[in-house]
Amino acid sequence: MTTQRHDILRPLTDPATFAGITYDLNSSYTDRDGTVWSFEDTISSEDGTWDMRGSDHCYVESLAEVVLNWGPLRLHGTRSPSSLFYRHDQNKWRPSAAES
């Protein structure tokens, strides 16, 4: 199930919390099937949690959907917040050229 997305774009600096667990938005997480999930810069309009994109998915799921359907999530890796920059032409935060 794909989520509808808000137009709200936010910097990936604050942590996300779902079901009592706090997630670093600059980190990626591995689900129980081995898929690596990274946070997008949008909030799900369905449940209000951050959107995530899986390494084997071409679509976006909310943090709540990922945890409930494929959890628990384990920390996979962390990207430095300084590696993000704001793309004014796309109105989105994106990895720097070194990480894209």
PDB file of N, CA and C in Angstrom:
ATOM      1  N   MET A   1       0.838  -1.170   0.000  1.00  0.00           N
ATOM      2  CA  MET A   1       0.000   0.000   0.000  1.00  0.00           C
ATOM      3  C   MET A   1       0.887   1.240   0.000  1.00  0.00           C
ATOM      4  N   THR A   2       0.740   2.113  -0.950  1.00  0.00           N
ATOM      5  CA  THR A   2       1.517   3.343  -0.983  1.00  0.00           C
ATOM      6  C   THR A   2       0.755   4.443  -0.270  1.00  0.00           C
ATOM      7  N   THR A   3       1.516   5.352   0.308  1.00  0.00           N
ATOM      8  CA  THR A   3       0.897   6.435   1.060  1.00  0.00           C
ATOM      9  C   THR A   3       0.783   7.682   0.206  1.00  0.00           C
ATOM     10  N   GLN A   4      -0.203   8.486   0.526  1.00  0.00           N
ATOM     11  CA  GLN A   4      -0.278   9.803  -0.070  1.00  0.00           C
ATOM     12  C   GLN A   4       0.683  10.674   0.714  1.00  0.00           C
ATOM     13  N   ARG A   5       1.229  11.697   0.070  1.00  0.00           N
ATOM     14  CA  ARG A   5       2.251  12.482   0.725  1.00  0.00           C
ATOM     15  C   ARG A   5       1.809  13.913   0.929  1.00  0.00           C
ATOM     16  N   HIS A   6       2.242  14.463   2.043  1.00  0.00           N
ATOM     17  CA  HIS A   6       2.031  15.874   2.338  1.00  0.00           C
ATOM     18  C   HIS A   6       2.934  16.720   1.458  1.00  0.00           C
ATOM     19  N   ASP A   7       2.617  17.970   1.344  1.00  0.00           N
ATOM     20  CA  ASP A   7       3.512  18.915   0.695  1.00  0.00           C
ATOM     21  C   ASP A   7       4.530  19.459   1.682  1.00  0.00           C
ATOM     22  N   ILE A   8       4.458  19.026   2.928  1.00  0.00           N
ATOM     23  CA  ILE A   8       5.343  19.547   3.959  1.00  0.00           C
ATOM     24  C   ILE A   8       6.716  18.911   3.808  1.00  0.00           C
ATOM     25  N   LEU A   9       7.721  19.749   3.594  1.00  0.00           N
ATOM     26  CA  LEU A   9       9.100  19.289   3.516  1.00  0.00           C
ATOM     27  C   LEU A   9       9.801  19.778   4.763  1.00  0.00           C
ATOM     28  N   ARG A  10      10.549  18.913   5.422  1.00  0.00           N
ATOM     29  CA  ARG A  10      11.215  19.277   6.661  1.00  0.00           C
ATOM     30  C   ARG A  10      12.656  18.813   6.619  1.00  0.00           C
ATOM     31  N   PRO A  11      13.544  19.573   7.279  1.00  0.00           N
ATOM     32  CA  PRO A  11      14.930  19.096   7.364  1.00  0.00           C
ATOM     33  C   PRO A  11      14.989  17.826   8.194  1.00  0.00           C
ATOM     34  N   LEU A  12      15.916  16.972   7.857  1.00  0.00           N
ATOM     35  CA  LEU A  12      16.040  15.691   8.541  1.00  0.00           C
ATOM     36  C   LEU A  12      16.932  15.843   9.771  1.00  0.00           C
ATOM     37  N   THR A  13      16.502  16.673  10.713  1.00  0.00           N
ATOM     38  CA  THR A  13      17.312  16.918  11.902  1.00  0.00           C
ATOM     39  C   THR A  13      16.667  16.409  13.175  1.00  0.00           C
ATOM     40  N   ASP A  14      15.365  16.490  13.304  1.00  0.00           N
ATOM     41  CA  ASP A  14      14.690  16.030  14.510  1.00  0.00           C
ATOM     42  C   ASP A  14      14.484  14.521  14.442  1.00  0.00           C
ATOM     43  N   PRO A  15      14.472  13.857  15.591  1.00  0.00           N
ATOM     44  CA  PRO A  15      14.207  12.414  15.570  1.00  0.00           C
ATOM     45  C   PRO A  15      12.728  12.123  15.326  1.00  0.00           C
ATOM     46  N   ALA A  16      12.443  10.913  14.896  1.00  0.00           N
ATOM     47  CA  ALA A  16      11.066  10.448  14.716  1.00  0.00           C
ATOM     48  C   ALA A  16      10.788   9.420  15.801  1.00  0.00           C
ATOM     49  N   THR A  17       9.588   9.442  16.355  1.00  0.00           N
ATOM     50  CA  THR A  17       9.211   8.465  17.371  1.00  0.00           C
ATOM     51  C   THR A  17       7.936   7.762  16.939  1.00  0.00           C
ATOM     52  N   PHE A  18       7.960   6.440  17.045  1.00  0.00           N
ATOM     53  CA  PHE A  18       6.768   5.642  16.765  1.00  0.00           C
ATOM     54  C   PHE A  18       6.778   4.443  17.705  1.00  0.00           C
ATOM     55  N   ALA A  19       5.651   4.175  18.330  1.00  0.00           N
ATOM     56  CA  ALA A  19       5.485   3.042  19.251  1.00  0.00           C
ATOM     57  C   ALA A  19       6.553   3.041  20.343  1.00  0.00           C
ATOM     58  N   GLY A  20       6.895   4.239  20.818  1.00  0.00           N
ATOM     59  CA  GLY A  20       7.847   4.356  21.914  1.00  0.00           C
ATOM     60  C   GLY A  20       9.303   4.216  21.530  1.00  0.00           C
ATOM     61  N   ILE A  21       9.609   4.078  20.256  1.00  0.00           N
ATOM     62  CA  ILE A  21      10.986   3.948  19.786  1.00  0.00           C
ATOM     63  C   ILE A  21      11.344   5.186  18.984  1.00  0.00           C
ATOM     64  N   THR A  22      12.527   5.743  19.259  1.00  0.00           N
ATOM     65  CA  THR A  22      12.989   6.939  18.566  1.00  0.00           C
ATOM     66  C   THR A  22      13.961   6.538  17.466  1.00  0.00           C
ATOM     67  N   TYR A  23      13.773   7.124  16.292  1.00  0.00           N
ATOM     68  CA  TYR A  23      14.592   6.842  15.112  1.00  0.00           C
ATOM     69  C   TYR A  23      15.306   8.113  14.671  1.00  0.00           C
ATOM     70  N   ASP A  24      16.575   7.984  14.322  1.00  0.00           N
ATOM     71  CA  ASP A  24      17.366   9.094  13.795  1.00  0.00           C
ATOM     72  C   ASP A  24      17.039   9.227  12.310  1.00  0.00           C
ATOM     73  N   LEU A  25      16.592  10.401  11.890  1.00  0.00           N
ATOM     74  CA  LEU A  25      16.189  10.596  10.495  1.00  0.00           C
ATOM     75  C   LEU A  25      17.363  10.546   9.522  1.00  0.00           C
ATOM     76  N   ASN A  26      18.583  10.676  10.028  1.00  0.00           N
ATOM     77  CA  ASN A  26      19.765  10.599   9.173  1.00  0.00           C
ATOM     78  C   ASN A  26      20.357   9.198   9.142  1.00  0.00           C
ATOM     79  N   SER A  27      19.645   8.248   9.723  1.00  0.00           N
ATOM     80  CA  SER A  27      20.110   6.859   9.731  1.00  0.00           C
ATOM     81  C   SER A  27      19.240   6.010   8.817  1.00  0.00           C
ATOM     82  N   SER A  28      19.780   4.907   8.411  1.00  0.00           N
ATOM     83  CA  SER A  28      18.997   3.913   7.670  1.00  0.00           C
ATOM     84  C   SER A  28      18.806   2.714   8.588  1.00  0.00           C
ATOM     85  N   TYR A  29      17.733   1.970   8.325  1.00  0.00           N
ATOM     86  CA  TYR A  29      17.353   0.847   9.182  1.00  0.00           C
ATOM     87  C   TYR A  29      17.044  -0.374   8.333  1.00  0.00           C
ATOM     88  N   THR A  30      17.376  -1.549   8.860  1.00  0.00           N
ATOM     89  CA  THR A  30      17.117  -2.806   8.173  1.00  0.00           C
ATOM     90  C   THR A  30      15.901  -3.467   8.802  1.00  0.00           C
ATOM     91  N   ASP A  31      14.962  -3.938   7.956  1.00  0.00           N
ATOM     92  CA  ASP A  31      13.778  -4.625   8.477  1.00  0.00           C
ATOM     93  C   ASP A  31      14.059  -6.118   8.621  1.00  0.00           C
ATOM     94  N   ARG A  32      13.073  -6.881   9.052  1.00  0.00           N
ATOM     95  CA  ARG A  32      13.269  -8.312   9.315  1.00  0.00           C
ATOM     96  C   ARG A  32      13.532  -9.121   8.052  1.00  0.00           C
ATOM     97  N   ASP A  33      13.221  -8.540   6.863  1.00  0.00           N
ATOM     98  CA  ASP A  33      13.480  -9.230   5.603  1.00  0.00           C
ATOM     99  C   ASP A  33      14.795  -8.816   4.962  1.00  0.00           C
ATOM    100  N   GLY A  34      15.515  -7.877   5.591  1.00  0.00           N
ATOM    101  CA  GLY A  34      16.797  -7.426   5.064  1.00  0.00           C
ATOM    102  C   GLY A  34      16.727  -6.187   4.193  1.00  0.00           C
ATOM    103  N   THR A  35      15.543  -5.625   4.003  1.00  0.00           N
ATOM    104  CA  THR A  35      15.415  -4.390   3.231  1.00  0.00           C
ATOM    105  C   THR A  35      15.935  -3.228   4.054  1.00  0.00           C
ATOM    106  N   VAL A  36      16.716  -2.363   3.430  1.00  0.00           N
ATOM    107  CA  VAL A  36      17.242  -1.175   4.103  1.00  0.00           C
ATOM    108  C   VAL A  36      16.313  -0.011   3.798  1.00  0.00           C
ATOM    109  N   TRP A  37      15.864   0.678   4.853  1.00  0.00           N
ATOM    110  CA  TRP A  37      14.938   1.808   4.733  1.00  0.00           C
ATOM    111  C   TRP A  37      15.626   3.092   5.146  1.00  0.00           C
ATOM    112  N   SER A  38      15.420   4.150   4.348  1.00  0.00           N
ATOM    113  CA  SER A  38      15.937   5.483   4.660  1.00  0.00           C
ATOM    114  C   SER A  38      14.775   6.464   4.688  1.00  0.00           C
ATOM    115  N   PHE A  39      14.914   7.500   5.505  1.00  0.00           N
ATOM    116  CA  PHE A  39      13.845   8.479   5.633  1.00  0.00           C
ATOM    117  C   PHE A  39      13.811   9.435   4.454  1.00  0.00           C
ATOM    118  N   GLU A  40      12.620   9.767   4.019  1.00  0.00           N
ATOM    119  CA  GLU A  40      12.376  10.812   3.038  1.00  0.00           C
ATOM    120  C   GLU A  40      12.214  12.128   3.799  1.00  0.00           C
ATOM    121  N   ASP A  41      11.984  13.212   3.091  1.00  0.00           N
ATOM    122  CA  ASP A  41      11.823  14.520   3.730  1.00  0.00           C
ATOM    123  C   ASP A  41      10.362  14.951   3.789  1.00  0.00           C
ATOM    124  N   THR A  42       9.461  13.991   3.831  1.00  0.00           N
ATOM    125  CA  THR A  42       8.027  14.287   3.869  1.00  0.00           C
ATOM    126  C   THR A  42       7.353  13.470   4.971  1.00  0.00           C
ATOM    127  N   ILE A  43       6.170  13.923   5.333  1.00  0.00           N
ATOM    128  CA  ILE A  43       5.357  13.276   6.358  1.00  0.00           C
ATOM    129  C   ILE A  43       4.163  12.619   5.675  1.00  0.00           C
ATOM    130  N   SER A  44       3.815  11.411   6.098  1.00  0.00           N
ATOM    131  CA  SER A  44       2.668  10.704   5.537  1.00  0.00           C
ATOM    132  C   SER A  44       1.377  11.423   5.903  1.00  0.00           C
ATOM    133  N   SER A  45       0.521  11.615   4.917  1.00  0.00           N
ATOM    134  CA  SER A  45      -0.779  12.231   5.186  1.00  0.00           C
ATOM    135  C   SER A  45      -1.749  11.226   5.780  1.00  0.00           C
ATOM    136  N   GLU A  46      -1.421   9.935   5.703  1.00  0.00           N
ATOM    137  CA  GLU A  46      -2.296   8.904   6.257  1.00  0.00           C
ATOM    138  C   GLU A  46      -2.156   8.755   7.762  1.00  0.00           C
ATOM    139  N   ASP A  47      -0.925   8.772   8.262  1.00  0.00           N
ATOM    140  CA  ASP A  47      -0.747   8.516   9.694  1.00  0.00           C
ATOM    141  C   ASP A  47       0.139   9.526  10.412  1.00  0.00           C
ATOM    142  N   GLY A  48       0.691  10.497   9.689  1.00  0.00           N
ATOM    143  CA  GLY A  48       1.467  11.561  10.322  1.00  0.00           C
ATOM    144  C   GLY A  48       2.884  11.196  10.707  1.00  0.00           C
ATOM    145  N   THR A  49       3.360   9.997  10.316  1.00  0.00           N
ATOM    146  CA  THR A  49       4.749   9.646  10.585  1.00  0.00           C
ATOM    147  C   THR A  49       5.589   9.930   9.343  1.00  0.00           C
ATOM    148  N   TRP A  50       6.894   9.970   9.523  1.00  0.00           N
ATOM    149  CA  TRP A  50       7.796  10.263   8.409  1.00  0.00           C
ATOM    150  C   TRP A  50       7.696   9.190   7.324  1.00  0.00           C
ATOM    151  N   ASP A  51       7.857   9.616   6.087  1.00  0.00           N
ATOM    152  CA  ASP A  51       7.917   8.680   4.968  1.00  0.00           C
ATOM    153  C   ASP A  51       9.300   8.049   4.893  1.00  0.00           C
ATOM    154  N   MET A  52       9.346   6.795   4.420  1.00  0.00           N
ATOM    155  CA  MET A  52      10.598   6.076   4.228  1.00  0.00           C
ATOM    156  C   MET A  52      10.582   5.424   2.854  1.00  0.00           C
ATOM    157  N   ARG A  53      11.780   5.190   2.320  1.00  0.00           N
ATOM    158  CA  ARG A  53      11.910   4.483   1.036  1.00  0.00           C
ATOM    159  C   ARG A  53      12.802   3.274   1.263  1.00  0.00           C
ATOM    160  N   GLY A  54      12.339   2.122   0.816  1.00  0.00           N
ATOM    161  CA  GLY A  54      13.095   0.892   0.968  1.00  0.00           C
ATOM    162  C   GLY A  54      14.047   0.671  -0.188  1.00  0.00           C
ATOM    163  N   SER A  55      15.126  -0.052   0.075  1.00  0.00           N
ATOM    164  CA  SER A  55      16.137  -0.305  -0.950  1.00  0.00           C
ATOM    165  C   SER A  55      15.596  -1.154  -2.089  1.00  0.00           C
ATOM    166  N   ASP A  56      14.533  -1.916  -1.858  1.00  0.00           N
ATOM    167  CA  ASP A  56      13.976  -2.729  -2.933  1.00  0.00           C
ATOM    168  C   ASP A  56      12.578  -2.268  -3.336  1.00  0.00           C
ATOM    169  N   HIS A  57      12.224  -1.036  -2.977  1.00  0.00           N
ATOM    170  CA  HIS A  57      10.906  -0.489  -3.303  1.00  0.00           C
ATOM    171  C   HIS A  57      11.057   0.781  -4.134  1.00  0.00           C
ATOM    172  N   CYS A  58      10.210   0.948  -5.095  1.00  0.00           N
ATOM    173  CA  CYS A  58      10.230   2.187  -5.872  1.00  0.00           C
ATOM    174  C   CYS A  58       9.187   3.168  -5.343  1.00  0.00           C
ATOM    175  N   TYR A  59       8.524   2.806  -4.263  1.00  0.00           N
ATOM    176  CA  TYR A  59       7.505   3.663  -3.681  1.00  0.00           C
ATOM    177  C   TYR A  59       7.841   3.958  -2.223  1.00  0.00           C
ATOM    178  N   VAL A  60       7.067   4.847  -1.632  1.00  0.00           N
ATOM    179  CA  VAL A  60       7.304   5.320  -0.280  1.00  0.00           C
ATOM    180  C   VAL A  60       6.270   4.727   0.672  1.00  0.00           C
ATOM    181  N   GLU A  61       6.712   4.356   1.868  1.00  0.00           N
ATOM    182  CA  GLU A  61       5.844   3.880   2.942  1.00  0.00           C
ATOM    183  C   GLU A  61       6.110   4.758   4.165  1.00  0.00           C
ATOM    184  N   SER A  62       5.134   4.874   5.040  1.00  0.00           N
ATOM    185  CA  SER A  62       5.347   5.638   6.264  1.00  0.00           C
ATOM    186  C   SER A  62       6.123   4.806   7.275  1.00  0.00           C
ATOM    187  N   LEU A  63       6.751   5.483   8.225  1.00  0.00           N
ATOM    188  CA  LEU A  63       7.455   4.792   9.302  1.00  0.00           C
ATOM    189  C   LEU A  63       6.523   3.809   9.998  1.00  0.00           C
ATOM    190  N   ALA A  64       5.293   4.228  10.266  1.00  0.00           N
ATOM    191  CA  ALA A  64       4.326   3.344  10.932  1.00  0.00           C
ATOM    192  C   ALA A  64       4.074   2.084  10.115  1.00  0.00           C
ATOM    193  N   GLU A  65       3.882   2.226   8.799  1.00  0.00           N
ATOM    194  CA  GLU A  65       3.640   1.061   7.945  1.00  0.00           C
ATOM    195  C   GLU A  65       4.842   0.123   7.919  1.00  0.00           C
ATOM    196  N   VAL A  66       6.048   0.707   7.853  1.00  0.00           N
ATOM    197  CA  VAL A  66       7.256  -0.114   7.814  1.00  0.00           C
ATOM    198  C   VAL A  66       7.408  -0.906   9.106  1.00  0.00           C
ATOM    199  N   VAL A  67       7.241  -0.236  10.241  1.00  0.00           N
ATOM    200  CA  VAL A  67       7.392  -0.923  11.533  1.00  0.00           C
ATOM    201  C   VAL A  67       6.315  -1.994  11.703  1.00  0.00           C
ATOM    202  N   LEU A  68       5.075  -1.652  11.399  1.00  0.00           N
ATOM    203  CA  LEU A  68       3.978  -2.606  11.608  1.00  0.00           C
ATOM    204  C   LEU A  68       4.023  -3.788  10.652  1.00  0.00           C
ATOM    205  N   ASN A  69       4.477  -3.575   9.416  1.00  0.00           N
ATOM    206  CA  ASN A  69       4.480  -4.648   8.414  1.00  0.00           C
ATOM    207  C   ASN A  69       5.795  -5.413   8.309  1.00  0.00           C
ATOM    208  N   TRP A  70       6.929  -4.745   8.578  1.00  0.00           N
ATOM    209  CA  TRP A  70       8.224  -5.381   8.361  1.00  0.00           C
ATOM    210  C   TRP A  70       9.168  -5.253   9.552  1.00  0.00           C
ATOM    211  N   GLY A  71       8.684  -4.705  10.662  1.00  0.00           N
ATOM    212  CA  GLY A  71       9.520  -4.499  11.837  1.00  0.00           C
ATOM    213  C   GLY A  71       9.820  -5.802  12.559  1.00  0.00           C
ATOM    214  N   PRO A  72      10.680  -5.750  13.533  1.00  0.00           N
ATOM    215  CA  PRO A  72      11.334  -4.545  14.055  1.00  0.00           C
ATOM    216  C   PRO A  72      12.456  -4.073  13.137  1.00  0.00           C
ATOM    217  N   LEU A  73      12.818  -2.788  13.292  1.00  0.00           N
ATOM    218  CA  LEU A  73      13.896  -2.199  12.498  1.00  0.00           C
ATOM    219  C   LEU A  73      15.176  -2.183  13.319  1.00  0.00           C
ATOM    220  N   ARG A  74      16.297  -2.478  12.651  1.00  0.00           N
ATOM    221  CA  ARG A  74      17.624  -2.419  13.275  1.00  0.00           C
ATOM    222  C   ARG A  74      18.437  -1.342  12.573  1.00  0.00           C
ATOM    223  N   LEU A  75      19.241  -0.632  13.339  1.00  0.00           N
ATOM    224  CA  LEU A  75      20.093   0.411  12.767  1.00  0.00           C
ATOM    225  C   LEU A  75      21.015  -0.196  11.723  1.00  0.00           C
ATOM    226  N   HIS A  76      21.049   0.412  10.548  1.00  0.00           N
ATOM    227  CA  HIS A  76      21.900  -0.069   9.451  1.00  0.00           C
ATOM    228  C   HIS A  76      23.124   0.821   9.298  1.00  0.00           C
ATOM    229  N   GLY A  77      22.909   2.133   9.253  1.00  0.00           N
ATOM    230  CA  GLY A  77      24.002   3.087   9.076  1.00  0.00           C
ATOM    231  C   GLY A  77      23.518   4.494   9.327  1.00  0.00           C
ATOM    232  N   THR A  78      24.475   5.409   9.484  1.00  0.00           N
ATOM    233  CA  THR A  78      24.132   6.803   9.772  1.00  0.00           C
ATOM    234  C   THR A  78      24.839   7.714   8.791  1.00  0.00           C
ATOM    235  N   ARG A  79      24.116   8.704   8.312  1.00  0.00           N
ATOM    236  CA  ARG A  79      24.660   9.728   7.415  1.00  0.00           C
ATOM    237  C   ARG A  79      24.807  11.001   8.224  1.00  0.00           C
ATOM    238  N   SER A  80      25.897  11.686   8.074  1.00  0.00           N
ATOM    239  CA  SER A  80      26.115  12.937   8.791  1.00  0.00           C
ATOM    240  C   SER A  80      25.099  13.982   8.346  1.00  0.00           C
ATOM    241  N   PRO A  81      24.465  14.699   9.306  1.00  0.00           N
ATOM    242  CA  PRO A  81      23.512  15.746   8.917  1.00  0.00           C
ATOM    243  C   PRO A  81      24.155  16.806   8.040  1.00  0.00           C
ATOM    244  N   SER A  82      25.466  17.014   8.171  1.00  0.00           N
ATOM    245  CA  SER A  82      26.134  18.026   7.353  1.00  0.00           C
ATOM    246  C   SER A  82      26.230  17.604   5.900  1.00  0.00           C
ATOM    247  N   SER A  83      25.907  16.338   5.604  1.00  0.00           N
ATOM    248  CA  SER A  83      25.969  15.863   4.219  1.00  0.00           C
ATOM    249  C   SER A  83      24.690  16.190   3.455  1.00  0.00           C
ATOM    250  N   LEU A  84      23.736  16.835   4.111  1.00  0.00           N
ATOM    251  CA  LEU A  84      22.490  17.203   3.456  1.00  0.00           C
ATOM    252  C   LEU A  84      22.535  18.667   3.033  1.00  0.00           C
ATOM    253  N   PHE A  85      21.917  18.957   1.940  1.00  0.00           N
ATOM    254  CA  PHE A  85      21.796  20.342   1.520  1.00  0.00           C
ATOM    255  C   PHE A  85      20.409  20.561   0.965  1.00  0.00           C
ATOM    256  N   TYR A  86      19.997  21.796   0.892  1.00  0.00           N
ATOM    257  CA  TYR A  86      18.655  22.106   0.443  1.00  0.00           C
ATOM    258  C   TYR A  86      18.675  22.406  -1.045  1.00  0.00           C
ATOM    259  N   ARG A  87      17.890  21.644  -1.820  1.00  0.00           N
ATOM    260  CA  ARG A  87      17.772  21.862  -3.258  1.00  0.00           C
ATOM    261  C   ARG A  87      16.646  22.860  -3.496  1.00  0.00           C
ATOM    262  N   HIS A  88      16.994  24.130  -3.666  1.00  0.00           N
ATOM    263  CA  HIS A  88      15.967  25.152  -3.871  1.00  0.00           C
ATOM    264  C   HIS A  88      15.166  24.906  -5.148  1.00  0.00           C
ATOM    265  N   ASP A  89      15.813  24.343  -6.157  1.00  0.00           N
ATOM    266  CA  ASP A  89      15.107  24.100  -7.403  1.00  0.00           C
ATOM    267  C   ASP A  89      14.059  22.991  -7.264  1.00  0.00           C
ATOM    268  N   GLN A  90      14.250  22.102  -6.288  1.00  0.00           N
ATOM    269  CA  GLN A  90      13.290  21.005  -6.084  1.00  0.00           C
ATOM    270  C   GLN A  90      12.563  21.131  -4.754  1.00  0.00           C
ATOM    271  N   ASN A  91      12.920  22.153  -3.961  1.00  0.00           N
ATOM    272  CA  ASN A  91      12.331  22.348  -2.634  1.00  0.00           C
ATOM    273  C   ASN A  91      12.445  21.101  -1.773  1.00  0.00           C
ATOM    274  N   LYS A  92      13.611  20.464  -1.799  1.00  0.00           N
ATOM    275  CA  LYS A  92      13.810  19.247  -1.013  1.00  0.00           C
ATOM    276  C   LYS A  92      15.228  19.188  -0.469  1.00  0.00           C
ATOM    277  N   TRP A  93      15.357  18.500   0.649  1.00  0.00           N
ATOM    278  CA  TRP A  93      16.684  18.186   1.199  1.00  0.00           C
ATOM    279  C   TRP A  93      17.194  16.956   0.470  1.00  0.00           C
ATOM    280  N   ARG A  94      18.414  16.977   0.053  1.00  0.00           N
ATOM    281  CA  ARG A  94      19.006  15.856  -0.667  1.00  0.00           C
ATOM    282  C   ARG A  94      20.444  15.634  -0.202  1.00  0.00           C
ATOM    283  N   PRO A  95      20.965  14.423  -0.391  1.00  0.00           N
ATOM    284  CA  PRO A  95      22.376  14.190  -0.057  1.00  0.00           C
ATOM    285  C   PRO A  95      23.286  15.053  -0.902  1.00  0.00           C
ATOM    286  N   SER A  96      24.442  15.369  -0.349  1.00  0.00           N
ATOM    287  CA  SER A  96      25.412  16.138  -1.122  1.00  0.00           C
ATOM    288  C   SER A  96      25.919  15.289  -2.270  1.00  0.00           C
ATOM    289  N   ALA A  97      26.632  15.912  -3.205  1.00  0.00           N
ATOM    290  CA  ALA A  97      27.120  15.206  -4.386  1.00  0.00           C
ATOM    291  C   ALA A  97      27.999  14.021  -3.994  1.00  0.00           C
ATOM    292  N   ALA A  98      28.704  14.139  -2.869  1.00  0.00           N
ATOM    293  CA  ALA A  98      29.570  13.053  -2.432  1.00  0.00           C
ATOM    294  C   ALA A  98      28.791  11.803  -2.048  1.00  0.00           C
ATOM    295  N   GLU A  99      27.506  11.966  -1.673  1.00  0.00           N
ATOM    296  CA  GLU A  99      26.721  10.818  -1.243  1.00  0.00           C
ATOM    297  C   GLU A  99      25.667  10.398  -2.237  1.00  0.00           C
ATOM    298  N   SER A 100      25.467  11.146  -3.323  1.00  0.00           N
ATOM    299  CA  SER A 100      24.418  10.765  -4.260  1.00  0.00           C
ATOM    300  C   SER A 100      24.913   9.828  -5.316  1.00  0.00           C
TER     301      SER A 100
END
